[in-house]
Amino acid sequence: MPIPKIKPLLLPVLRIIADQSGHSVKEIRERVKVEFKLTDKQIKQTHPASGINVFVNRVAWALAHLGMGQAITLERDGTYRIAKRGLTLLTEAPSELTIKGLH
């Protein structure tokens, strides 16, 4: 399986944070890696032109879109927590989330 694009990461990342406790980016990445059964080689993949780590970048964008959509919040200590809107989204039991639907 290739590294998921941003859209397929939105719902799994929101579900990871759903327990209302704080989650570090490192923990979120690790749990995404396990959920999508990604290999260490995939996790280390960089974009040929920019040298940016693809996996890190995509998880960061998923977190950014969830934050812009007010589904999660970034706490001062660098942890992410689910917001009221995120809980509401999950109670609707969506099969997927979209960037457009978040904004």
C-alpha atoms as a PDB file:
ATOM      1  CA  MET A   1       0.000   0.000   0.000  1.00  0.00           C
ATOM      2  CA  PRO A   2       1.398   3.417  -0.887  1.00  0.00           C
ATOM      3  CA  ILE A   3       1.522   6.255   1.619  1.00  0.00           C
ATOM      4  CA  PRO A   4      -2.044   7.568   1.836  1.00  0.00           C
ATOM      5  CA  LYS A   5      -2.842  10.990   0.431  1.00  0.00           C
ATOM      6  CA  ILE A   6      -4.175  13.675   2.786  1.00  0.00           C
ATOM      7  CA  LYS A   7      -7.914  13.018   2.331  1.00  0.00           C
ATOM      8  CA  PRO A   8      -7.779   9.331   3.378  1.00  0.00           C
ATOM      9  CA  LEU A   9      -5.816  10.373   6.484  1.00  0.00           C
ATOM     10  CA  LEU A  10      -8.412  12.841   7.800  1.00  0.00           C
ATOM     11  CA  LEU A  11     -10.866  10.418   9.402  1.00  0.00           C
ATOM     12  CA  PRO A  12      -8.273   8.002  10.846  1.00  0.00           C
ATOM     13  CA  VAL A  13      -6.327  10.898  12.393  1.00  0.00           C
ATOM     14  CA  LEU A  14      -9.530  12.313  13.892  1.00  0.00           C
ATOM     15  CA  ARG A  15     -10.391   8.884  15.310  1.00  0.00           C
ATOM     16  CA  ILE A  16      -6.907   8.577  16.835  1.00  0.00           C
ATOM     17  CA  ILE A  17      -7.479  11.835  18.709  1.00  0.00           C
ATOM     18  CA  ALA A  18     -11.113  11.034  19.597  1.00  0.00           C
ATOM     19  CA  ASP A  19     -10.451   9.840  23.159  1.00  0.00           C
ATOM     20  CA  GLN A  20     -10.170  13.478  24.301  1.00  0.00           C
ATOM     21  CA  SER A  21      -6.678  13.094  25.736  1.00  0.00           C
ATOM     22  CA  GLY A  22      -3.651  14.873  24.315  1.00  0.00           C
ATOM     23  CA  HIS A  23      -1.727  13.210  21.505  1.00  0.00           C
ATOM     24  CA  SER A  24       1.696  14.228  20.250  1.00  0.00           C
ATOM     25  CA  VAL A  25       2.486  14.387  16.552  1.00  0.00           C
ATOM     26  CA  LYS A  26       4.965  11.557  17.057  1.00  0.00           C
ATOM     27  CA  GLU A  27       2.268   9.344  18.587  1.00  0.00           C
ATOM     28  CA  ILE A  28      -0.223  10.241  15.854  1.00  0.00           C
ATOM     29  CA  ARG A  29       2.306   9.368  13.141  1.00  0.00           C
ATOM     30  CA  GLU A  30       3.111   6.049  14.809  1.00  0.00           C
ATOM     31  CA  ARG A  31      -0.544   5.098  15.074  1.00  0.00           C
ATOM     32  CA  VAL A  32      -1.182   6.072  11.440  1.00  0.00           C
ATOM     33  CA  LYS A  33       1.826   3.993  10.412  1.00  0.00           C
ATOM     34  CA  VAL A  34       0.385   0.962  12.216  1.00  0.00           C
ATOM     35  CA  GLU A  35      -3.178   1.491  10.963  1.00  0.00           C
ATOM     36  CA  PHE A  36      -2.090   1.740   7.336  1.00  0.00           C
ATOM     37  CA  LYS A  37       0.566  -0.985   7.732  1.00  0.00           C
ATOM     38  CA  LEU A  38       3.311   1.231   6.339  1.00  0.00           C
ATOM     39  CA  THR A  39       6.887   0.024   6.213  1.00  0.00           C
ATOM     40  CA  ASP A  40       9.927   1.835   7.554  1.00  0.00           C
ATOM     41  CA  LYS A  41      11.008   2.344   3.951  1.00  0.00           C
ATOM     42  CA  GLN A  42       7.716   4.092   3.161  1.00  0.00           C
ATOM     43  CA  ILE A  43       7.973   6.233   6.296  1.00  0.00           C
ATOM     44  CA  LYS A  44      11.421   7.428   5.224  1.00  0.00           C
ATOM     45  CA  GLN A  45      10.418   8.232   1.628  1.00  0.00           C
ATOM     46  CA  THR A  46      11.232  11.769   0.541  1.00  0.00           C
ATOM     47  CA  HIS A  47       9.908  13.830  -2.325  1.00  0.00           C
ATOM     48  CA  PRO A  48      12.533  13.749  -5.109  1.00  0.00           C
ATOM     49  CA  ALA A  49      12.428  17.474  -5.889  1.00  0.00           C
ATOM     50  CA  SER A  50      12.088  18.984  -2.411  1.00  0.00           C
ATOM     51  CA  GLY A  51      13.598  16.322  -0.146  1.00  0.00           C
ATOM     52  CA  ILE A  52      10.602  16.671   2.194  1.00  0.00           C
ATOM     53  CA  ASN A  53       9.514  13.515   4.012  1.00  0.00           C
ATOM     54  CA  VAL A  54       6.254  12.504   2.308  1.00  0.00           C
ATOM     55  CA  PHE A  55       4.663  10.741   5.286  1.00  0.00           C
ATOM     56  CA  VAL A  56       5.484  13.497   7.783  1.00  0.00           C
ATOM     57  CA  ASN A  57       4.198  16.107   5.338  1.00  0.00           C
ATOM     58  CA  ARG A  58       0.890  14.337   4.687  1.00  0.00           C
ATOM     59  CA  VAL A  59       0.160  13.759   8.367  1.00  0.00           C
ATOM     60  CA  ALA A  60       1.001  17.420   9.032  1.00  0.00           C
ATOM     61  CA  TRP A  61      -1.430  18.528   6.323  1.00  0.00           C
ATOM     62  CA  ALA A  62      -4.155  16.254   7.682  1.00  0.00           C
ATOM     63  CA  LEU A  63      -3.671  17.806  11.130  1.00  0.00           C
ATOM     64  CA  ALA A  64      -3.666  21.302   9.602  1.00  0.00           C
ATOM     65  CA  HIS A  65      -6.934  20.719   7.752  1.00  0.00           C
ATOM     66  CA  LEU A  66      -8.572  19.196  10.832  1.00  0.00           C
ATOM     67  CA  GLY A  67      -7.399  22.227  12.804  1.00  0.00           C
ATOM     68  CA  MET A  68      -8.627  24.729  10.199  1.00  0.00           C
ATOM     69  CA  GLY A  69     -11.946  22.903  10.201  1.00  0.00           C
ATOM     70  CA  GLN A  70     -12.091  23.293  14.000  1.00  0.00           C
ATOM     71  CA  ALA A  71     -12.308  19.520  14.470  1.00  0.00           C
ATOM     72  CA  ILE A  72      -9.138  19.464  16.592  1.00  0.00           C
ATOM     73  CA  THR A  73      -7.118  21.926  18.623  1.00  0.00           C
ATOM     74  CA  LEU A  74      -3.396  22.279  19.149  1.00  0.00           C
ATOM     75  CA  GLU A  75      -2.598  22.737  22.829  1.00  0.00           C
ATOM     76  CA  ARG A  76       0.280  24.830  24.147  1.00  0.00           C
ATOM     77  CA  ASP A  77       2.255  21.729  25.045  1.00  0.00           C
ATOM     78  CA  GLY A  78       2.273  20.608  21.408  1.00  0.00           C
ATOM     79  CA  THR A  79      -0.442  17.991  21.747  1.00  0.00           C
ATOM     80  CA  TYR A  80      -3.597  17.699  19.707  1.00  0.00           C
ATOM     81  CA  ARG A  81      -7.054  17.199  21.206  1.00  0.00           C
ATOM     82  CA  ILE A  82     -10.403  16.629  19.595  1.00  0.00           C
ATOM     83  CA  ALA A  83     -12.715  19.646  19.611  1.00  0.00           C
ATOM     84  CA  LYS A  84     -16.484  19.751  19.971  1.00  0.00           C
ATOM     85  CA  ARG A  85     -16.894  19.892  16.179  1.00  0.00           C
ATOM     86  CA  GLY A  86     -14.688  16.807  15.809  1.00  0.00           C
ATOM     87  CA  LEU A  87     -16.830  14.878  18.257  1.00  0.00           C
ATOM     88  CA  THR A  88     -19.936  15.969  16.367  1.00  0.00           C
ATOM     89  CA  LEU A  89     -18.430  14.817  13.085  1.00  0.00           C
ATOM     90  CA  LEU A  90     -17.647  11.395  14.538  1.00  0.00           C
ATOM     91  CA  THR A  91     -21.154  10.940  15.965  1.00  0.00           C
ATOM     92  CA  GLU A  92     -22.433  11.283  12.406  1.00  0.00           C
ATOM     93  CA  ALA A  93     -20.426   8.101  11.621  1.00  0.00           C
ATOM     94  CA  PRO A  94     -18.969   9.303   8.324  1.00  0.00           C
ATOM     95  CA  SER A  95     -17.328   6.835   5.969  1.00  0.00           C
ATOM     96  CA  GLU A  96     -14.857   9.579   5.031  1.00  0.00           C
ATOM     97  CA  LEU A  97     -14.057  13.228   5.609  1.00  0.00           C
ATOM     98  CA  THR A  98     -13.175  15.713   2.895  1.00  0.00           C
ATOM     99  CA  ILE A  99     -11.119  18.855   3.033  1.00  0.00           C
ATOM    100  CA  LYS A 100     -13.994  20.808   1.521  1.00  0.00           C
ATOM    101  CA  GLY A 101     -16.402  19.399   4.105  1.00  0.00           C
ATOM    102  CA  LEU A 102     -14.137  20.517   6.938  1.00  0.00           C
ATOM    103  CA  HIS A 103     -13.866  24.117   5.763  1.00  0.00           C
END
